[in-house]
Every structure is written in C-alpha cells, then in structure tokens.
Amino acid sequence: MLKLVKKDPVLATGIILPVVLVLLFWLFAELPKYFVEPPKYKAILTLDQHNPSFVEEAQFFVVDGKLRVKYRDASLAGGTSYYRQVIYMYDPATDSSEIIDVQLPNAEKEWKEIEVSAMEDKKIDSSTTAPDGYKVNFSEYRGGFGLGLLFTGSYDNSGSLEKNGRSVIIKTPGNVGKNYYLYNQKFIGWVIE
C-alpha cells in the first residue's frame, strides 16, 4: 500500500478516501447507540384489526393520567365496524409487547366510556415525548446508507422510539395475526408510574 501511495498518490487517495468516508458515516450512524441511554418508559399503542363481522367500535385515549375507552355497538347505531382497535404495551427493557386485555361491558347504540381496568393502577402520560426524551416515530422507511448500493434500508410499518440518533424498533405483540393493519398504529401514551 505504501508503494502505491509513493508511486501514484492521486490513485491512492481515490481508493482510500471513499473507504474512509464510508467508515466515518457508519461510525456517526452507530455512535448514538453507545452514548444515548436506552428508553426507560413503556409505550402504549393501538393498531387496527380488520374483520367484517365486528360490531363493536372502540377508541382509546387518556384522561387525567388514566387509560379510557369509548365504545358502542355499530350495528345498533345503523352501521357496521370493519375495524377494531387493539391496544398493546411495548416494554423497551424486555424488547417485547403484550396486548392489554380490555373487557367491554355490553355495547349499546350510544357511546359509553369506561376506564380500562387492566391499567387502572398505572399512570399514563399522553404527551408525545417521554420523560426520558424518547419520541415515537411511525416512519415507514428504515435507514440504510450507501445510496442503495450497500446496506440498503427497508420498509417497516412497526414504529420506533427515537432520541438523539438512537432508534429502538417497537415490536408488535407476537400473537398479531394477518388481519392487523400495522400502518394504522396510533400512539396513546407512556406508562410513567
């Protein structure tokens, strides 16, 4: 290599400089993983499940730090509901998600609102930024570099927790079947207590 540098420095620079630049870009992309603290707070999210036989409609939201659900029987209200929101909690400490069991009493024509009993002992913060600084991002394109030639990215509809260049992909629950549309995910809040 030293012979090449002495013999033809322009050619050596043309070979070495791109390699150094690729390594620098890779280094700057990877460094945040080592210097930004991992996420601490669990995230609560929903995704839509499709089935033409659903009759219940449900919408999840946070009021005064408590997770609530508003629901009704769409067939009694003169329509049908082809989608049902499924609510789940992602735990970054274990890198896993689990569906939150929501028991809805008998639905009627008019909307009813109740607190989600499985989460009644938890305090939920609905702000977009967690107390540790992470935000949820539902961007569909995931990374890659090399202008499509090397290490290309991919499309992924799951979301991620992001802070200062560090990104942690949110795993959807393992028992999510083919009738879940991940691009209809919504962020509900952070479990802070």
C-alpha atoms as a PDB file:
ATOM      1  CA  MET A   1       0.000   0.000   0.000  1.00  0.00           C
ATOM      2  CA  LEU A   2       2.859   2.352   0.807  1.00  0.00           C
ATOM      3  CA  LYS A   3       4.335   1.642  -2.618  1.00  0.00           C
ATOM      4  CA  LEU A   4       1.019   2.703  -4.205  1.00  0.00           C
ATOM      5  CA  VAL A   5       0.961   5.936  -2.204  1.00  0.00           C
ATOM      6  CA  LYS A   6       4.521   6.792  -3.255  1.00  0.00           C
ATOM      7  CA  LYS A   7       4.065   5.689  -6.858  1.00  0.00           C
ATOM      8  CA  ASP A   8       0.652   7.267  -7.536  1.00  0.00           C
ATOM      9  CA  PRO A   9      -0.719   9.428  -4.681  1.00  0.00           C
ATOM     10  CA  VAL A  10      -3.799  10.504  -6.686  1.00  0.00           C
ATOM     11  CA  LEU A  11      -4.868   6.898  -7.267  1.00  0.00           C
ATOM     12  CA  ALA A  12      -4.203   6.024  -3.617  1.00  0.00           C
ATOM     13  CA  THR A  13      -6.308   8.985  -2.490  1.00  0.00           C
ATOM     14  CA  GLY A  14      -9.090   7.925  -4.873  1.00  0.00           C
ATOM     15  CA  ILE A  15      -9.144   4.480  -3.271  1.00  0.00           C
ATOM     16  CA  ILE A  16      -8.575   5.370   0.371  1.00  0.00           C
ATOM     17  CA  LEU A  17     -10.791   8.477   0.654  1.00  0.00           C
ATOM     18  CA  PRO A  18     -14.111   6.734  -0.225  1.00  0.00           C
ATOM     19  CA  VAL A  19     -13.334   3.915   2.209  1.00  0.00           C
ATOM     20  CA  VAL A  20     -12.563   6.419   4.973  1.00  0.00           C
ATOM     21  CA  LEU A  21     -15.774   8.357   4.220  1.00  0.00           C
ATOM     22  CA  VAL A  22     -17.909   5.202   4.345  1.00  0.00           C
ATOM     23  CA  LEU A  23     -16.328   4.266   7.677  1.00  0.00           C
ATOM     24  CA  LEU A  24     -16.940   7.768   9.064  1.00  0.00           C
ATOM     25  CA  PHE A  25     -20.614   7.736   8.006  1.00  0.00           C
ATOM     26  CA  TRP A  26     -21.038   4.292   9.540  1.00  0.00           C
ATOM     27  CA  LEU A  27     -19.334   5.450  12.738  1.00  0.00           C
ATOM     28  CA  PHE A  28     -21.598   8.510  13.062  1.00  0.00           C
ATOM     29  CA  ALA A  29     -24.677   6.342  12.472  1.00  0.00           C
ATOM     30  CA  GLU A  30     -23.630   3.803  15.106  1.00  0.00           C
ATOM     31  CA  LEU A  31     -22.246   6.095  17.851  1.00  0.00           C
ATOM     32  CA  PRO A  32     -25.628   7.192  19.281  1.00  0.00           C
ATOM     33  CA  LYS A  33     -26.360   3.579  20.227  1.00  0.00           C
ATOM     34  CA  TYR A  34     -23.461   3.706  22.660  1.00  0.00           C
ATOM     35  CA  PHE A  35     -23.817   7.220  24.072  1.00  0.00           C
ATOM     36  CA  VAL A  36     -27.604   7.729  24.307  1.00  0.00           C
ATOM     37  CA  GLU A  37     -29.247   5.979  27.236  1.00  0.00           C
ATOM     38  CA  PRO A  38     -31.811   3.301  26.339  1.00  0.00           C
ATOM     39  CA  PRO A  39     -35.534   4.083  26.727  1.00  0.00           C
ATOM     40  CA  LYS A  40     -36.974   3.552  30.210  1.00  0.00           C
ATOM     41  CA  TYR A  41     -40.714   4.031  29.787  1.00  0.00           C
ATOM     42  CA  LYS A  42     -43.262   1.605  28.397  1.00  0.00           C
ATOM     43  CA  ALA A  43     -45.293   2.870  25.449  1.00  0.00           C
ATOM     44  CA  ILE A  44     -48.996   2.186  24.919  1.00  0.00           C
ATOM     45  CA  LEU A  45     -50.103   1.946  21.300  1.00  0.00           C
ATOM     46  CA  THR A  46     -53.053   0.745  19.254  1.00  0.00           C
ATOM     47  CA  LEU A  47     -53.337  -0.928  15.895  1.00  0.00           C
ATOM     48  CA  ASP A  48     -56.367  -1.816  13.807  1.00  0.00           C
ATOM     49  CA  GLN A  49     -57.684  -5.318  13.347  1.00  0.00           C
ATOM     50  CA  HIS A  50     -59.902  -5.932  10.327  1.00  0.00           C
ATOM     51  CA  ASN A  51     -62.863  -8.307  10.326  1.00  0.00           C
ATOM     52  CA  PRO A  52     -66.224  -7.807   8.554  1.00  0.00           C
ATOM     53  CA  SER A  53     -68.098  -9.366  11.483  1.00  0.00           C
ATOM     54  CA  PHE A  54     -67.082  -6.828  14.128  1.00  0.00           C
ATOM     55  CA  VAL A  55     -69.960  -4.974  15.712  1.00  0.00           C
ATOM     56  CA  GLU A  56     -68.154  -3.042  18.438  1.00  0.00           C
ATOM     57  CA  GLU A  57     -66.305   0.196  17.818  1.00  0.00           C
ATOM     58  CA  ALA A  58     -63.726   1.273  20.399  1.00  0.00           C
ATOM     59  CA  GLN A  59     -61.486   4.314  20.779  1.00  0.00           C
ATOM     60  CA  PHE A  60     -58.726   4.567  23.376  1.00  0.00           C
ATOM     61  CA  PHE A  61     -57.487   7.781  24.972  1.00  0.00           C
ATOM     62  CA  VAL A  62     -56.034   9.197  28.199  1.00  0.00           C
ATOM     63  CA  VAL A  63     -57.887  11.452  30.666  1.00  0.00           C
ATOM     64  CA  ASP A  64     -56.231  12.666  33.887  1.00  0.00           C
ATOM     65  CA  GLY A  65     -53.492  10.044  33.632  1.00  0.00           C
ATOM     66  CA  LYS A  66     -55.909   7.125  33.211  1.00  0.00           C
ATOM     67  CA  LEU A  67     -56.440   4.959  30.136  1.00  0.00           C
ATOM     68  CA  ARG A  68     -60.052   5.074  28.995  1.00  0.00           C
ATOM     69  CA  VAL A  69     -62.054   3.502  26.196  1.00  0.00           C
ATOM     70  CA  LYS A  70     -65.128   4.834  24.425  1.00  0.00           C
ATOM     71  CA  TYR A  71     -67.192   2.131  22.727  1.00  0.00           C
ATOM     72  CA  ARG A  72     -70.540   1.327  21.148  1.00  0.00           C
ATOM     73  CA  ASP A  73     -72.324  -1.307  19.086  1.00  0.00           C
ATOM     74  CA  ALA A  74     -72.066  -0.079  15.494  1.00  0.00           C
ATOM     75  CA  SER A  75     -74.815  -2.400  14.246  1.00  0.00           C
ATOM     76  CA  LEU A  76     -77.330  -0.852  16.654  1.00  0.00           C
ATOM     77  CA  ALA A  77     -76.204   2.607  15.537  1.00  0.00           C
ATOM     78  CA  GLY A  78     -77.154   1.762  11.943  1.00  0.00           C
ATOM     79  CA  GLY A  79     -73.775   0.748  10.560  1.00  0.00           C
ATOM     80  CA  THR A  80     -71.004  -1.796  10.706  1.00  0.00           C
ATOM     81  CA  SER A  81     -67.474  -1.627  12.015  1.00  0.00           C
ATOM     82  CA  TYR A  82     -64.864  -3.422   9.964  1.00  0.00           C
ATOM     83  CA  TYR A  83     -62.014  -2.367  12.235  1.00  0.00           C
ATOM     84  CA  ARG A  84     -61.354  -2.791  15.906  1.00  0.00           C
ATOM     85  CA  GLN A  85     -58.541  -1.070  17.765  1.00  0.00           C
ATOM     86  CA  VAL A  86     -56.294  -3.497  19.596  1.00  0.00           C
ATOM     87  CA  ILE A  87     -54.290  -1.889  22.381  1.00  0.00           C
ATOM     88  CA  TYR A  88     -50.874  -3.105  23.454  1.00  0.00           C
ATOM     89  CA  MET A  89     -47.925  -2.081  25.606  1.00  0.00           C
ATOM     90  CA  TYR A  90     -44.301  -2.131  24.429  1.00  0.00           C
ATOM     91  CA  ASP A  91     -41.669  -2.649  27.136  1.00  0.00           C
ATOM     92  CA  PRO A  92     -38.223  -1.466  25.968  1.00  0.00           C
ATOM     93  CA  ALA A  93     -36.494  -3.165  28.924  1.00  0.00           C
ATOM     94  CA  THR A  94     -37.515  -6.600  27.627  1.00  0.00           C
ATOM     95  CA  ASP A  95     -37.955  -5.544  23.968  1.00  0.00           C
ATOM     96  CA  SER A  96     -41.391  -7.151  23.898  1.00  0.00           C
ATOM     97  CA  SER A  97     -45.047  -6.218  23.570  1.00  0.00           C
ATOM     98  CA  GLU A  98     -48.215  -7.626  25.003  1.00  0.00           C
ATOM     99  CA  ILE A  99     -51.856  -6.994  24.206  1.00  0.00           C
ATOM    100  CA  ILE A 100     -53.739  -5.253  27.019  1.00  0.00           C
ATOM    101  CA  ASP A 101     -56.860  -7.209  27.880  1.00  0.00           C
ATOM    102  CA  VAL A 102     -59.860  -4.894  27.635  1.00  0.00           C
ATOM    103  CA  GLN A 103     -63.189  -6.171  28.906  1.00  0.00           C
ATOM    104  CA  LEU A 104     -66.068  -4.182  27.400  1.00  0.00           C
ATOM    105  CA  PRO A 105     -69.476  -4.492  29.057  1.00  0.00           C
ATOM    106  CA  ASN A 106     -72.453  -4.893  26.731  1.00  0.00           C
ATOM    107  CA  ALA A 107     -72.246  -2.327  23.975  1.00  0.00           C
ATOM    108  CA  GLU A 108     -75.273  -0.254  23.090  1.00  0.00           C
ATOM    109  CA  LYS A 109     -76.279   2.150  20.348  1.00  0.00           C
ATOM    110  CA  GLU A 110     -74.909   5.194  22.196  1.00  0.00           C
ATOM    111  CA  TRP A 111     -71.252   5.635  23.052  1.00  0.00           C
ATOM    112  CA  LYS A 112     -70.197   4.531  26.550  1.00  0.00           C
ATOM    113  CA  GLU A 113     -66.941   5.455  28.240  1.00  0.00           C
ATOM    114  CA  ILE A 114     -65.102   3.445  30.916  1.00  0.00           C
ATOM    115  CA  GLU A 115     -61.642   3.204  32.433  1.00  0.00           C
ATOM    116  CA  VAL A 116     -59.556   0.230  31.219  1.00  0.00           C
ATOM    117  CA  SER A 117     -59.467  -1.955  34.324  1.00  0.00           C
ATOM    118  CA  ALA A 118     -56.238  -3.755  33.338  1.00  0.00           C
ATOM    119  CA  MET A 119     -54.416  -0.405  33.563  1.00  0.00           C
ATOM    120  CA  GLU A 120     -56.232   1.217  36.494  1.00  0.00           C
ATOM    121  CA  ASP A 121     -53.146   1.051  38.753  1.00  0.00           C
ATOM    122  CA  LYS A 122     -50.930   2.780  36.141  1.00  0.00           C
ATOM    123  CA  LYS A 123     -50.451   6.475  35.429  1.00  0.00           C
ATOM    124  CA  ILE A 124     -50.316   7.320  31.715  1.00  0.00           C
ATOM    125  CA  ASP A 125     -48.738  10.423  30.178  1.00  0.00           C
ATOM    126  CA  SER A 126     -50.161  11.213  26.733  1.00  0.00           C
ATOM    127  CA  SER A 127     -47.500  13.760  25.762  1.00  0.00           C
ATOM    128  CA  THR A 128     -45.552  12.933  22.614  1.00  0.00           C
ATOM    129  CA  THR A 129     -42.204  12.960  24.422  1.00  0.00           C
ATOM    130  CA  ALA A 130     -41.442  10.541  27.251  1.00  0.00           C
ATOM    131  CA  PRO A 131     -39.849  11.884  30.454  1.00  0.00           C
ATOM    132  CA  ASP A 132     -36.529  10.375  29.281  1.00  0.00           C
ATOM    133  CA  GLY A 133     -36.723  12.293  25.962  1.00  0.00           C
ATOM    134  CA  TYR A 134     -37.787   9.498  23.587  1.00  0.00           C
ATOM    135  CA  LYS A 135     -40.487  10.019  20.957  1.00  0.00           C
ATOM    136  CA  VAL A 136     -42.494   7.511  18.932  1.00  0.00           C
ATOM    137  CA  ASN A 137     -41.983   7.588  15.171  1.00  0.00           C
ATOM    138  CA  PHE A 138     -44.113   5.636  12.702  1.00  0.00           C
ATOM    139  CA  SER A 139     -41.938   6.330   9.663  1.00  0.00           C
ATOM    140  CA  GLU A 140     -42.235   3.557   7.120  1.00  0.00           C
ATOM    141  CA  TYR A 141     -38.669   3.653   5.721  1.00  0.00           C
ATOM    142  CA  ARG A 142     -35.888   2.249   7.853  1.00  0.00           C
ATOM    143  CA  GLY A 143     -32.407   3.526   7.321  1.00  0.00           C
ATOM    144  CA  GLY A 144     -29.657   2.122   5.247  1.00  0.00           C
ATOM    145  CA  PHE A 145     -26.895   4.036   3.578  1.00  0.00           C
ATOM    146  CA  GLY A 146     -24.720   3.631   0.529  1.00  0.00           C
ATOM    147  CA  LEU A 147     -27.161   5.268  -1.915  1.00  0.00           C
ATOM    148  CA  GLY A 148     -28.931   1.980  -2.455  1.00  0.00           C
ATOM    149  CA  LEU A 149     -25.742   0.145  -3.389  1.00  0.00           C
ATOM    150  CA  LEU A 150     -24.658  -1.121   0.021  1.00  0.00           C
ATOM    151  CA  PHE A 151     -26.583  -1.783   3.209  1.00  0.00           C
ATOM    152  CA  THR A 152     -29.904  -0.621   1.809  1.00  0.00           C
ATOM    153  CA  GLY A 153     -32.851   0.147   4.043  1.00  0.00           C
ATOM    154  CA  SER A 154     -36.275  -1.439   4.044  1.00  0.00           C
ATOM    155  CA  TYR A 155     -39.923  -0.615   4.600  1.00  0.00           C
ATOM    156  CA  ASP A 156     -41.215  -1.479   8.030  1.00  0.00           C
ATOM    157  CA  ASN A 157     -44.526  -0.293   9.445  1.00  0.00           C
ATOM    158  CA  SER A 158     -43.823  -1.072  13.086  1.00  0.00           C
ATOM    159  CA  GLY A 159     -42.753   2.185  14.799  1.00  0.00           C
ATOM    160  CA  SER A 160     -39.709   3.117  16.769  1.00  0.00           C
ATOM    161  CA  LEU A 161     -38.672   5.001  19.881  1.00  0.00           C
ATOM    162  CA  GLU A 162     -36.141   7.675  18.934  1.00  0.00           C
ATOM    163  CA  LYS A 163     -33.851  10.078  20.751  1.00  0.00           C
ATOM    164  CA  ASN A 164     -30.740  11.924  19.521  1.00  0.00           C
ATOM    165  CA  GLY A 165     -29.987   9.439  16.745  1.00  0.00           C
ATOM    166  CA  ARG A 166     -30.735   6.282  18.741  1.00  0.00           C
ATOM    167  CA  SER A 167     -33.651   4.269  17.407  1.00  0.00           C
ATOM    168  CA  VAL A 168     -35.320   1.258  19.031  1.00  0.00           C
ATOM    169  CA  ILE A 169     -37.828  -0.612  16.860  1.00  0.00           C
ATOM    170  CA  ILE A 170     -41.138  -1.299  18.605  1.00  0.00           C
ATOM    171  CA  LYS A 171     -42.064  -4.967  18.461  1.00  0.00           C
ATOM    172  CA  THR A 172     -45.744  -5.666  17.912  1.00  0.00           C
ATOM    173  CA  PRO A 173     -47.269  -8.446  20.018  1.00  0.00           C
ATOM    174  CA  GLY A 174     -46.216 -11.929  18.940  1.00  0.00           C
ATOM    175  CA  ASN A 175     -49.796 -13.108  18.511  1.00  0.00           C
ATOM    176  CA  VAL A 176     -50.681 -10.424  15.961  1.00  0.00           C
ATOM    177  CA  GLY A 177     -52.236 -12.180  13.001  1.00  0.00           C
ATOM    178  CA  LYS A 178     -52.607 -11.344   9.338  1.00  0.00           C
ATOM    179  CA  ASN A 179     -55.735  -9.263   9.955  1.00  0.00           C
ATOM    180  CA  TYR A 180     -53.871  -6.487  11.760  1.00  0.00           C
ATOM    181  CA  TYR A 181     -53.019  -3.423   9.719  1.00  0.00           C
ATOM    182  CA  LEU A 182     -49.840  -2.063  11.227  1.00  0.00           C
ATOM    183  CA  TYR A 183     -49.918   1.176   9.270  1.00  0.00           C
ATOM    184  CA  ASN A 184     -52.943   2.213  11.351  1.00  0.00           C
ATOM    185  CA  GLN A 185     -50.935   2.319  14.564  1.00  0.00           C
ATOM    186  CA  LYS A 186     -51.516   5.157  16.989  1.00  0.00           C
ATOM    187  CA  PHE A 187     -49.556   6.265  19.999  1.00  0.00           C
ATOM    188  CA  ILE A 188     -51.636   6.577  23.194  1.00  0.00           C
ATOM    189  CA  GLY A 189     -49.152   7.361  25.978  1.00  0.00           C
ATOM    190  CA  TRP A 190     -46.249   6.462  28.248  1.00  0.00           C
ATOM    191  CA  VAL A 191     -46.574   4.421  31.444  1.00  0.00           C
ATOM    192  CA  ILE A 192     -44.880   6.663  33.975  1.00  0.00           C
ATOM    193  CA  GLU A 193     -45.939   5.003  37.263  1.00  0.00           C
END
